[in-house]
Amino acid sequence: MYRTLHLCSNRGGFEAVPDPPRPLDLPEARRRLTAADVEFVDARVMLIATLEVEVTIGQSGRLLFKTPDLALAERSFARLRGLLDLPASPEDARLPSEGVPDPGRR
């Protein structure tokens, strides 16, 4: 389940990591991106897709949104969730940003 977007340490982007860990089926992700006419580069162990921002989709399920703009990252995350049928938590009306407590985490 993806719960939050975290600002990367270099402050150049946001990442989402599944918790608990959940590897992605990259061949299925390729198929879905192609069907949705989303441009992407297949780097074998990851896909680099062009949504509103560039997003790296890792085999481990880690997603890296290459923008320092939280709103852009959130919109791209929402779109990617729909395209790839990624799990979400029910309270995801708005994803909490770095530094904002997530009530579902302890």
PDB file of N, CA and C in Angstrom:
ATOM      1  N   MET A   1       0.837  -1.158   0.000  1.00  0.00           N
ATOM      2  CA  MET A   1       0.000   0.000   0.000  1.00  0.00           C
ATOM      3  C   MET A   1       0.898   1.241   0.000  1.00  0.00           C
ATOM      4  N   TYR A   2       0.645   2.138  -0.902  1.00  0.00           N
ATOM      5  CA  TYR A   2       1.389   3.386  -0.950  1.00  0.00           C
ATOM      6  C   TYR A   2       0.655   4.394  -0.071  1.00  0.00           C
ATOM      7  N   ARG A   3       1.347   4.963   0.905  1.00  0.00           N
ATOM      8  CA  ARG A   3       0.681   5.882   1.822  1.00  0.00           C
ATOM      9  C   ARG A   3       1.125   7.322   1.670  1.00  0.00           C
ATOM     10  N   THR A   4       2.389   7.560   1.376  1.00  0.00           N
ATOM     11  CA  THR A   4       2.874   8.937   1.346  1.00  0.00           C
ATOM     12  C   THR A   4       3.857   9.165   0.207  1.00  0.00           C
ATOM     13  N   LEU A   5       4.008  10.416  -0.130  1.00  0.00           N
ATOM     14  CA  LEU A   5       5.096  10.859  -0.994  1.00  0.00           C
ATOM     15  C   LEU A   5       6.108  11.515  -0.068  1.00  0.00           C
ATOM     16  N   HIS A   6       7.352  11.110  -0.179  1.00  0.00           N
ATOM     17  CA  HIS A   6       8.413  11.686   0.649  1.00  0.00           C
ATOM     18  C   HIS A   6       9.332  12.511  -0.232  1.00  0.00           C
ATOM     19  N   LEU A   7       9.699  13.680   0.246  1.00  0.00           N
ATOM     20  CA  LEU A   7      10.651  14.516  -0.458  1.00  0.00           C
ATOM     21  C   LEU A   7      12.010  13.814  -0.422  1.00  0.00           C
ATOM     22  N   CYS A   8      12.644  13.703  -1.582  1.00  0.00           N
ATOM     23  CA  CYS A   8      13.958  13.067  -1.659  1.00  0.00           C
ATOM     24  C   CYS A   8      14.992  13.932  -0.935  1.00  0.00           C
ATOM     25  N   SER A   9      16.076  13.313  -0.515  1.00  0.00           N
ATOM     26  CA  SER A   9      17.094  14.030   0.255  1.00  0.00           C
ATOM     27  C   SER A   9      17.703  15.201  -0.511  1.00  0.00           C
ATOM     28  N   ASN A  10      17.764  15.110  -1.840  1.00  0.00           N
ATOM     29  CA  ASN A  10      18.319  16.229  -2.622  1.00  0.00           C
ATOM     30  C   ASN A  10      17.265  17.287  -2.935  1.00  0.00           C
ATOM     31  N   ARG A  11      16.046  17.066  -2.458  1.00  0.00           N
ATOM     32  CA  ARG A  11      14.922  17.977  -2.629  1.00  0.00           C
ATOM     33  C   ARG A  11      14.543  18.205  -4.098  1.00  0.00           C
ATOM     34  N   GLY A  12      14.958  17.318  -4.976  1.00  0.00           N
ATOM     35  CA  GLY A  12      14.668  17.463  -6.393  1.00  0.00           C
ATOM     36  C   GLY A  12      13.486  16.643  -6.874  1.00  0.00           C
ATOM     37  N   GLY A  13      12.889  15.868  -5.979  1.00  0.00           N
ATOM     38  CA  GLY A  13      11.769  15.031  -6.375  1.00  0.00           C
ATOM     39  C   GLY A  13      11.113  14.383  -5.176  1.00  0.00           C
ATOM     40  N   PHE A  14      10.070  13.616  -5.451  1.00  0.00           N
ATOM     41  CA  PHE A  14       9.341  12.896  -4.416  1.00  0.00           C
ATOM     42  C   PHE A  14       9.368  11.411  -4.750  1.00  0.00           C
ATOM     43  N   GLU A  15       9.359  10.589  -3.727  1.00  0.00           N
ATOM     44  CA  GLU A  15       9.316   9.153  -3.946  1.00  0.00           C
ATOM     45  C   GLU A  15       8.169   8.541  -3.166  1.00  0.00           C
ATOM     46  N   ALA A  16       7.689   7.425  -3.694  1.00  0.00           N
ATOM     47  CA  ALA A  16       6.669   6.624  -3.027  1.00  0.00           C
ATOM     48  C   ALA A  16       7.206   5.200  -2.975  1.00  0.00           C
ATOM     49  N   VAL A  17       7.127   4.601  -1.813  1.00  0.00           N
ATOM     50  CA  VAL A  17       7.622   3.242  -1.613  1.00  0.00           C
ATOM     51  C   VAL A  17       6.479   2.428  -1.023  1.00  0.00           C
ATOM     52  N   PRO A  18       6.208   1.250  -1.581  1.00  0.00           N
ATOM     53  CA  PRO A  18       5.113   0.440  -1.033  1.00  0.00           C
ATOM     54  C   PRO A  18       5.452  -0.087   0.365  1.00  0.00           C
ATOM     55  N   ASP A  19       4.455  -0.072   1.228  1.00  0.00           N
ATOM     56  CA  ASP A  19       4.617  -0.577   2.590  1.00  0.00           C
ATOM     57  C   ASP A  19       3.386  -1.395   2.935  1.00  0.00           C
ATOM     58  N   PRO A  20       3.504  -2.703   3.013  1.00  0.00           N
ATOM     59  CA  PRO A  20       4.710  -3.524   2.951  1.00  0.00           C
ATOM     60  C   PRO A  20       5.270  -3.585   1.528  1.00  0.00           C
ATOM     61  N   PRO A  21       6.533  -4.027   1.413  1.00  0.00           N
ATOM     62  CA  PRO A  21       7.156  -4.113   0.082  1.00  0.00           C
ATOM     63  C   PRO A  21       6.287  -4.922  -0.882  1.00  0.00           C
ATOM     64  N   ARG A  22       6.226  -4.443  -2.114  1.00  0.00           N
ATOM     65  CA  ARG A  22       5.385  -5.091  -3.132  1.00  0.00           C
ATOM     66  C   ARG A  22       6.030  -4.892  -4.498  1.00  0.00           C
ATOM     67  N   PRO A  23       6.748  -5.903  -4.982  1.00  0.00           N
ATOM     68  CA  PRO A  23       7.375  -5.770  -6.307  1.00  0.00           C
ATOM     69  C   PRO A  23       6.318  -5.552  -7.393  1.00  0.00           C
ATOM     70  N   LEU A  24       6.706  -4.821  -8.421  1.00  0.00           N
ATOM     71  CA  LEU A  24       5.805  -4.574  -9.545  1.00  0.00           C
ATOM     72  C   LEU A  24       6.091  -5.536 -10.681  1.00  0.00           C
ATOM     73  N   ASP A  25       5.059  -5.906 -11.372  1.00  0.00           N
ATOM     74  CA  ASP A  25       5.176  -6.723 -12.576  1.00  0.00           C
ATOM     75  C   ASP A  25       5.450  -5.755 -13.731  1.00  0.00           C
ATOM     76  N   LEU A  26       6.738  -5.563 -14.063  1.00  0.00           N
ATOM     77  CA  LEU A  26       7.086  -4.584 -15.094  1.00  0.00           C
ATOM     78  C   LEU A  26       6.526  -4.926 -16.473  1.00  0.00           C
ATOM     79  N   PRO A  27       6.486  -6.198 -16.894  1.00  0.00           N
ATOM     80  CA  PRO A  27       5.854  -6.483 -18.188  1.00  0.00           C
ATOM     81  C   PRO A  27       4.383  -6.029 -18.225  1.00  0.00           C
ATOM     82  N   GLU A  28       3.670  -6.218 -17.116  1.00  0.00           N
ATOM     83  CA  GLU A  28       2.270  -5.770 -17.052  1.00  0.00           C
ATOM     84  C   GLU A  28       2.205  -4.241 -17.042  1.00  0.00           C
ATOM     85  N   ALA A  29       3.113  -3.602 -16.327  1.00  0.00           N
ATOM     86  CA  ALA A  29       3.160  -2.133 -16.315  1.00  0.00           C
ATOM     87  C   ALA A  29       3.433  -1.610 -17.726  1.00  0.00           C
ATOM     88  N   ARG A  30       4.352  -2.251 -18.455  1.00  0.00           N
ATOM     89  CA  ARG A  30       4.637  -1.865 -19.851  1.00  0.00           C
ATOM     90  C   ARG A  30       3.369  -1.946 -20.686  1.00  0.00           C
ATOM     91  N   ARG A  31       2.654  -3.049 -20.536  1.00  0.00           N
ATOM     92  CA  ARG A  31       1.433  -3.264 -21.305  1.00  0.00           C
ATOM     93  C   ARG A  31       0.411  -2.164 -21.011  1.00  0.00           C
ATOM     94  N   ARG A  32       0.226  -1.851 -19.743  1.00  0.00           N
ATOM     95  CA  ARG A  32      -0.758  -0.838 -19.359  1.00  0.00           C
ATOM     96  C   ARG A  32      -0.358   0.560 -19.831  1.00  0.00           C
ATOM     97  N   LEU A  33       0.919   0.892 -19.723  1.00  0.00           N
ATOM     98  CA  LEU A  33       1.383   2.201 -20.198  1.00  0.00           C
ATOM     99  C   LEU A  33       1.205   2.316 -21.703  1.00  0.00           C
ATOM    100  N   THR A  34       1.513   1.241 -22.422  1.00  0.00           N
ATOM    101  CA  THR A  34       1.344   1.231 -23.876  1.00  0.00           C
ATOM    102  C   THR A  34      -0.128   1.402 -24.234  1.00  0.00           C
ATOM    103  N   ALA A  35      -1.003   0.662 -23.542  1.00  0.00           N
ATOM    104  CA  ALA A  35      -2.441   0.751 -23.818  1.00  0.00           C
ATOM    105  C   ALA A  35      -2.985   2.155 -23.549  1.00  0.00           C
ATOM    106  N   ALA A  36      -2.388   2.862 -22.583  1.00  0.00           N
ATOM    107  CA  ALA A  36      -2.835   4.214 -22.248  1.00  0.00           C
ATOM    108  C   ALA A  36      -2.114   5.266 -23.083  1.00  0.00           C
ATOM    109  N   ASP A  37      -1.277   4.809 -24.014  1.00  0.00           N
ATOM    110  CA  ASP A  37      -0.528   5.702 -24.898  1.00  0.00           C
ATOM    111  C   ASP A  37       0.391   6.655 -24.121  1.00  0.00           C
ATOM    112  N   VAL A  38       0.993   6.127 -23.046  1.00  0.00           N
ATOM    113  CA  VAL A  38       1.951   6.891 -22.253  1.00  0.00           C
ATOM    114  C   VAL A  38       3.347   6.583 -22.777  1.00  0.00           C
ATOM    115  N   GLU A  39       4.114   7.627 -23.048  1.00  0.00           N
ATOM    116  CA  GLU A  39       5.489   7.431 -23.501  1.00  0.00           C
ATOM    117  C   GLU A  39       6.343   6.951 -22.333  1.00  0.00           C
ATOM    118  N   PHE A  40       7.229   5.982 -22.606  1.00  0.00           N
ATOM    119  CA  PHE A  40       8.131   5.501 -21.567  1.00  0.00           C
ATOM    120  C   PHE A  40       9.365   4.879 -22.210  1.00  0.00           C
ATOM    121  N   VAL A  41      10.406   4.791 -21.399  1.00  0.00           N
ATOM    122  CA  VAL A  41      11.638   4.111 -21.790  1.00  0.00           C
ATOM    123  C   VAL A  41      11.720   2.853 -20.946  1.00  0.00           C
ATOM    124  N   ASP A  42      11.991   1.726 -21.599  1.00  0.00           N
ATOM    125  CA  ASP A  42      12.135   0.456 -20.890  1.00  0.00           C
ATOM    126  C   ASP A  42      13.623   0.225 -20.647  1.00  0.00           C
ATOM    127  N   ALA A  43      14.042   0.341 -19.395  1.00  0.00           N
ATOM    128  CA  ALA A  43      15.442   0.127 -19.030  1.00  0.00           C
ATOM    129  C   ALA A  43      15.628  -1.230 -18.357  1.00  0.00           C
ATOM    130  N   ARG A  44      14.784  -2.169 -18.680  1.00  0.00           N
ATOM    131  CA  ARG A  44      14.766  -3.542 -18.183  1.00  0.00           C
ATOM    132  C   ARG A  44      14.413  -3.693 -16.716  1.00  0.00           C
ATOM    133  N   VAL A  45      15.148  -3.074 -15.807  1.00  0.00           N
ATOM    134  CA  VAL A  45      14.846  -3.199 -14.377  1.00  0.00           C
ATOM    135  C   VAL A  45      13.992  -2.041 -13.878  1.00  0.00           C
ATOM    136  N   MET A  46      13.699  -1.101 -14.772  1.00  0.00           N
ATOM    137  CA  MET A  46      12.839   0.025 -14.439  1.00  0.00           C
ATOM    138  C   MET A  46      12.237   0.590 -15.713  1.00  0.00           C
ATOM    139  N   LEU A  47      11.148   1.309 -15.535  1.00  0.00           N
ATOM    140  CA  LEU A  47      10.527   2.038 -16.631  1.00  0.00           C
ATOM    141  C   LEU A  47      10.607   3.525 -16.287  1.00  0.00           C
ATOM    142  N   ILE A  48      10.836   4.339 -17.284  1.00  0.00           N
ATOM    143  CA  ILE A  48      10.861   5.786 -17.082  1.00  0.00           C
ATOM    144  C   ILE A  48       9.734   6.351 -17.935  1.00  0.00           C
ATOM    145  N   ALA A  49       8.666   6.759 -17.261  1.00  0.00           N
ATOM    146  CA  ALA A  49       7.452   7.200 -17.952  1.00  0.00           C
ATOM    147  C   ALA A  49       7.344   8.720 -17.928  1.00  0.00           C
ATOM    148  N   THR A  50       6.704   9.244 -18.969  1.00  0.00           N
ATOM    149  CA  THR A  50       6.460  10.679 -19.048  1.00  0.00           C
ATOM    150  C   THR A  50       4.975  10.926 -18.821  1.00  0.00           C
ATOM    151  N   LEU A  51       4.661  11.415 -17.640  1.00  0.00           N
ATOM    152  CA  LEU A  51       3.295  11.821 -17.320  1.00  0.00           C
ATOM    153  C   LEU A  51       3.328  13.348 -17.276  1.00  0.00           C
ATOM    154  N   GLU A  52       2.732  13.938 -16.272  1.00  0.00           N
ATOM    155  CA  GLU A  52       2.874  15.383 -16.087  1.00  0.00           C
ATOM    156  C   GLU A  52       4.322  15.696 -15.709  1.00  0.00           C
ATOM    157  N   VAL A  53       4.950  14.742 -15.027  1.00  0.00           N
ATOM    158  CA  VAL A  53       6.374  14.795 -14.705  1.00  0.00           C
ATOM    159  C   VAL A  53       6.982  13.450 -15.091  1.00  0.00           C
ATOM    160  N   GLU A  54       8.300  13.406 -15.175  1.00  0.00           N
ATOM    161  CA  GLU A  54       8.974  12.133 -15.437  1.00  0.00           C
ATOM    162  C   GLU A  54       8.924  11.294 -14.168  1.00  0.00           C
ATOM    163  N   VAL A  55       8.597  10.013 -14.348  1.00  0.00           N
ATOM    164  CA  VAL A  55       8.491   9.116 -13.197  1.00  0.00           C
ATOM    165  C   VAL A  55       9.290   7.852 -13.471  1.00  0.00           C
ATOM    166  N   THR A  56      10.134   7.462 -12.535  1.00  0.00           N
ATOM    167  CA  THR A  56      10.867   6.205 -12.628  1.00  0.00           C
ATOM    168  C   THR A  56      10.092   5.163 -11.842  1.00  0.00           C
ATOM    169  N   ILE A  57       9.794   4.055 -12.498  1.00  0.00           N
ATOM    170  CA  ILE A  57       9.018   2.971 -11.906  1.00  0.00           C
ATOM    171  C   ILE A  57       9.968   1.804 -11.721  1.00  0.00           C
ATOM    172  N   GLY A  58      10.314   1.497 -10.492  1.00  0.00           N
ATOM    173  CA  GLY A  58      11.269   0.434 -10.212  1.00  0.00           C
ATOM    174  C   GLY A  58      10.612  -0.911 -10.030  1.00  0.00           C
ATOM    175  N   GLN A  59      11.386  -1.951 -10.297  1.00  0.00           N
ATOM    176  CA  GLN A  59      10.925  -3.325 -10.112  1.00  0.00           C
ATOM    177  C   GLN A  59      10.478  -3.572  -8.675  1.00  0.00           C
ATOM    178  N   SER A  60      11.105  -2.891  -7.731  1.00  0.00           N
ATOM    179  CA  SER A  60      10.792  -3.063  -6.311  1.00  0.00           C
ATOM    180  C   SER A  60       9.465  -2.420  -5.926  1.00  0.00           C
ATOM    181  N   GLY A  61       8.888  -1.636  -6.846  1.00  0.00           N
ATOM    182  CA  GLY A  61       7.658  -0.917  -6.553  1.00  0.00           C
ATOM    183  C   GLY A  61       7.906   0.540  -6.206  1.00  0.00           C
ATOM    184  N   ARG A  62       9.159   0.909  -6.043  1.00  0.00           N
ATOM    185  CA  ARG A  62       9.512   2.304  -5.723  1.00  0.00           C
ATOM    186  C   ARG A  62       9.214   3.191  -6.926  1.00  0.00           C
ATOM    187  N   LEU A  63       8.623   4.342  -6.652  1.00  0.00           N
ATOM    188  CA  LEU A  63       8.280   5.311  -7.688  1.00  0.00           C
ATOM    189  C   LEU A  63       8.999   6.611  -7.373  1.00  0.00           C
ATOM    190  N   LEU A  64       9.653   7.202  -8.357  1.00  0.00           N
ATOM    191  CA  LEU A  64      10.368   8.458  -8.167  1.00  0.00           C
ATOM    192  C   LEU A  64       9.800   9.486  -9.132  1.00  0.00           C
ATOM    193  N   PHE A  65       9.225  10.547  -8.568  1.00  0.00           N
ATOM    194  CA  PHE A  65       8.620  11.622  -9.346  1.00  0.00           C
ATOM    195  C   PHE A  65       9.618  12.768  -9.406  1.00  0.00           C
ATOM    196  N   LYS A  66      10.107  13.079 -10.586  1.00  0.00           N
ATOM    197  CA  LYS A  66      11.188  14.039 -10.740  1.00  0.00           C
ATOM    198  C   LYS A  66      10.662  15.463 -10.845  1.00  0.00           C
ATOM    199  N   THR A  67      10.226  15.977  -9.699  1.00  0.00           N
ATOM    200  CA  THR A  67       9.766  17.357  -9.576  1.00  0.00           C
ATOM    201  C   THR A  67       9.832  17.749  -8.108  1.00  0.00           C
ATOM    202  N   PRO A  68      10.205  18.983  -7.819  1.00  0.00           N
ATOM    203  CA  PRO A  68      10.147  19.453  -6.434  1.00  0.00           C
ATOM    204  C   PRO A  68       8.753  19.977  -6.059  1.00  0.00           C
ATOM    205  N   ASP A  69       7.821  19.936  -7.009  1.00  0.00           N
ATOM    206  CA  ASP A  69       6.462  20.454  -6.814  1.00  0.00           C
ATOM    207  C   ASP A  69       5.547  19.326  -6.327  1.00  0.00           C
ATOM    208  N   LEU A  70       5.134  19.406  -5.074  1.00  0.00           N
ATOM    209  CA  LEU A  70       4.297  18.360  -4.482  1.00  0.00           C
ATOM    210  C   LEU A  70       2.992  18.161  -5.240  1.00  0.00           C
ATOM    211  N   ALA A  71       2.345  19.242  -5.652  1.00  0.00           N
ATOM    212  CA  ALA A  71       1.062  19.125  -6.358  1.00  0.00           C
ATOM    213  C   ALA A  71       1.225  18.350  -7.667  1.00  0.00           C
ATOM    214  N   LEU A  72       2.285  18.636  -8.423  1.00  0.00           N
ATOM    215  CA  LEU A  72       2.546  17.888  -9.663  1.00  0.00           C
ATOM    216  C   LEU A  72       2.816  16.417  -9.368  1.00  0.00           C
ATOM    217  N   ALA A  73       3.605  16.165  -8.341  1.00  0.00           N
ATOM    218  CA  ALA A  73       3.909  14.779  -7.963  1.00  0.00           C
ATOM    219  C   ALA A  73       2.633  14.044  -7.564  1.00  0.00           C
ATOM    220  N   GLU A  74       1.767  14.688  -6.794  1.00  0.00           N
ATOM    221  CA  GLU A  74       0.515  14.058  -6.367  1.00  0.00           C
ATOM    222  C   GLU A  74      -0.385  13.736  -7.556  1.00  0.00           C
ATOM    223  N   ARG A  75      -0.497  14.683  -8.501  1.00  0.00           N
ATOM    224  CA  ARG A  75      -1.339  14.425  -9.681  1.00  0.00           C
ATOM    225  C   ARG A  75      -0.780  13.268 -10.507  1.00  0.00           C
ATOM    226  N   SER A  76       0.523  13.249 -10.688  1.00  0.00           N
ATOM    227  CA  SER A  76       1.138  12.157 -11.448  1.00  0.00           C
ATOM    228  C   SER A  76       0.985  10.830 -10.715  1.00  0.00           C
ATOM    229  N   PHE A  77       1.106  10.872  -9.391  1.00  0.00           N
ATOM    230  CA  PHE A  77       0.947   9.664  -8.577  1.00  0.00           C
ATOM    231  C   PHE A  77      -0.473   9.129  -8.719  1.00  0.00           C
ATOM    232  N   ALA A  78      -1.456  10.014  -8.642  1.00  0.00           N
ATOM    233  CA  ALA A  78      -2.851   9.596  -8.781  1.00  0.00           C
ATOM    234  C   ALA A  78      -3.091   8.973 -10.161  1.00  0.00           C
ATOM    235  N   ARG A  79      -2.554   9.592 -11.190  1.00  0.00           N
ATOM    236  CA  ARG A  79      -2.730   9.058 -12.541  1.00  0.00           C
ATOM    237  C   ARG A  79      -2.055   7.697 -12.674  1.00  0.00           C
ATOM    238  N   LEU A  80      -0.840   7.579 -12.155  1.00  0.00           N
ATOM    239  CA  LEU A  80      -0.109   6.314 -12.238  1.00  0.00           C
ATOM    240  C   LEU A  80      -0.814   5.213 -11.464  1.00  0.00           C
ATOM    241  N   ARG A  81      -1.383   5.562 -10.315  1.00  0.00           N
ATOM    242  CA  ARG A  81      -2.151   4.574  -9.546  1.00  0.00           C
ATOM    243  C   ARG A  81      -3.277   4.002 -10.396  1.00  0.00           C
ATOM    244  N   GLY A  82      -3.980   4.882 -11.096  1.00  0.00           N
ATOM    245  CA  GLY A  82      -5.076   4.420 -11.944  1.00  0.00           C
ATOM    246  C   GLY A  82      -4.590   3.587 -13.116  1.00  0.00           C
ATOM    247  N   LEU A  83      -3.527   4.033 -13.761  1.00  0.00           N
ATOM    248  CA  LEU A  83      -3.007   3.311 -14.927  1.00  0.00           C
ATOM    249  C   LEU A  83      -2.495   1.923 -14.574  1.00  0.00           C
ATOM    250  N   LEU A  84      -1.789   1.822 -13.440  1.00  0.00           N
ATOM    251  CA  LEU A  84      -1.152   0.556 -13.072  1.00  0.00           C
ATOM    252  C   LEU A  84      -1.926  -0.220 -12.019  1.00  0.00           C
ATOM    253  N   ASP A  85      -3.086   0.303 -11.602  1.00  0.00           N
ATOM    254  CA  ASP A  85      -3.912  -0.340 -10.582  1.00  0.00           C
ATOM    255  C   ASP A  85      -3.106  -0.600  -9.314  1.00  0.00           C
ATOM    256  N   LEU A  86      -2.419   0.450  -8.839  1.00  0.00           N
ATOM    257  CA  LEU A  86      -1.606   0.344  -7.628  1.00  0.00           C
ATOM    258  C   LEU A  86      -2.492   0.444  -6.401  1.00  0.00           C
ATOM    259  N   PRO A  87      -2.139  -0.264  -5.330  1.00  0.00           N
ATOM    260  CA  PRO A  87      -2.953  -0.209  -4.121  1.00  0.00           C
ATOM    261  C   PRO A  87      -2.876   1.159  -3.459  1.00  0.00           C
ATOM    262  N   ALA A  88      -3.971   1.552  -2.862  1.00  0.00           N
ATOM    263  CA  ALA A  88      -4.031   2.827  -2.143  1.00  0.00           C
ATOM    264  C   ALA A  88      -4.722   2.599  -0.818  1.00  0.00           C
ATOM    265  N   SER A  89      -4.458   3.466   0.126  1.00  0.00           N
ATOM    266  CA  SER A  89      -5.161   3.368   1.399  1.00  0.00           C
ATOM    267  C   SER A  89      -6.480   4.127   1.284  1.00  0.00           C
ATOM    268  N   PRO A  90      -7.501   3.748   2.026  1.00  0.00           N
ATOM    269  CA  PRO A  90      -8.811   4.377   1.910  1.00  0.00           C
ATOM    270  C   PRO A  90      -8.815   5.853   2.284  1.00  0.00           C
ATOM    271  N   GLU A  91      -7.892   6.287   3.110  1.00  0.00           N
ATOM    272  CA  GLU A  91      -7.883   7.684   3.547  1.00  0.00           C
ATOM    273  C   GLU A  91      -7.103   8.601   2.612  1.00  0.00           C
ATOM    274  N   ASP A  92      -6.868   8.178   1.373  1.00  0.00           N
ATOM    275  CA  ASP A  92      -6.053   8.949   0.450  1.00  0.00           C
ATOM    276  C   ASP A  92      -6.800  10.071  -0.269  1.00  0.00           C
ATOM    277  N   ALA A  93      -7.595  10.830   0.414  1.00  0.00           N
ATOM    278  CA  ALA A  93      -8.214  11.987  -0.224  1.00  0.00           C
ATOM    279  C   ALA A  93      -7.123  12.965  -0.638  1.00  0.00           C
ATOM    280  N   ARG A  94      -6.101  13.103   0.201  1.00  0.00           N
ATOM    281  CA  ARG A  94      -4.927  13.914  -0.122  1.00  0.00           C
ATOM    282  C   ARG A  94      -3.747  13.231   0.536  1.00  0.00           C
ATOM    283  N   LEU A  95      -2.697  13.030  -0.234  1.00  0.00           N
ATOM    284  CA  LEU A  95      -1.514  12.368   0.295  1.00  0.00           C
ATOM    285  C   LEU A  95      -0.775  13.307   1.228  1.00  0.00           C
ATOM    286  N   PRO A  96      -0.374  12.837   2.416  1.00  0.00           N
ATOM    287  CA  PRO A  96       0.400  13.709   3.297  1.00  0.00           C
ATOM    288  C   PRO A  96       1.797  13.930   2.734  1.00  0.00           C
ATOM    289  N   SER A  97       2.305  15.119   2.914  1.00  0.00           N
ATOM    290  CA  SER A  97       3.654  15.413   2.439  1.00  0.00           C
ATOM    291  C   SER A  97       4.658  15.186   3.554  1.00  0.00           C
ATOM    292  N   GLU A  98       5.928  15.249   3.207  1.00  0.00           N
ATOM    293  CA  GLU A  98       7.009  15.071   4.166  1.00  0.00           C
ATOM    294  C   GLU A  98       6.822  16.032   5.337  1.00  0.00           C
ATOM    295  N   GLY A  99       6.952  15.524   6.538  1.00  0.00           N
ATOM    296  CA  GLY A  99       6.840  16.367   7.714  1.00  0.00           C
ATOM    297  C   GLY A  99       5.429  16.453   8.268  1.00  0.00           C
ATOM    298  N   VAL A 100       4.448  15.962   7.530  1.00  0.00           N
ATOM    299  CA  VAL A 100       3.074  15.961   8.016  1.00  0.00           C
ATOM    300  C   VAL A 100       2.780  14.567   8.515  1.00  0.00           C
ATOM    301  N   PRO A 101       2.360  14.425   9.799  1.00  0.00           N
ATOM    302  CA  PRO A 101       2.118  13.084  10.341  1.00  0.00           C
ATOM    303  C   PRO A 101       1.069  12.322   9.534  1.00  0.00           C
ATOM    304  N   ASP A 102       1.314  11.055   9.353  1.00  0.00           N
ATOM    305  CA  ASP A 102       0.384  10.164   8.694  1.00  0.00           C
ATOM    306  C   ASP A 102      -0.278   9.351   9.813  1.00  0.00           C
ATOM    307  N   PRO A 103      -1.585   9.547  10.052  1.00  0.00           N
ATOM    308  CA  PRO A 103      -2.238   8.878  11.173  1.00  0.00           C
ATOM    309  C   PRO A 103      -2.211   7.364  11.074  1.00  0.00           C
ATOM    310  N   GLY A 104      -2.020   6.806   9.900  1.00  0.00           N
ATOM    311  CA  GLY A 104      -1.984   5.366   9.729  1.00  0.00           C
ATOM    312  C   GLY A 104      -0.638   4.750  10.053  1.00  0.00           C
ATOM    313  N   ARG A 105       0.389   5.575  10.312  1.00  0.00           N
ATOM    314  CA  ARG A 105       1.738   5.075  10.579  1.00  0.00           C
ATOM    315  C   ARG A 105       2.102   5.345  12.031  1.00  0.00           C
ATOM    316  N   ARG A 106       2.849   4.459  12.604  1.00  0.00           N
ATOM    317  CA  ARG A 106       3.312   4.623  13.993  1.00  0.00           C
ATOM    318  C   ARG A 106       4.816   4.581  14.026  1.00  0.00           C
TER     319      ARG A 106
END
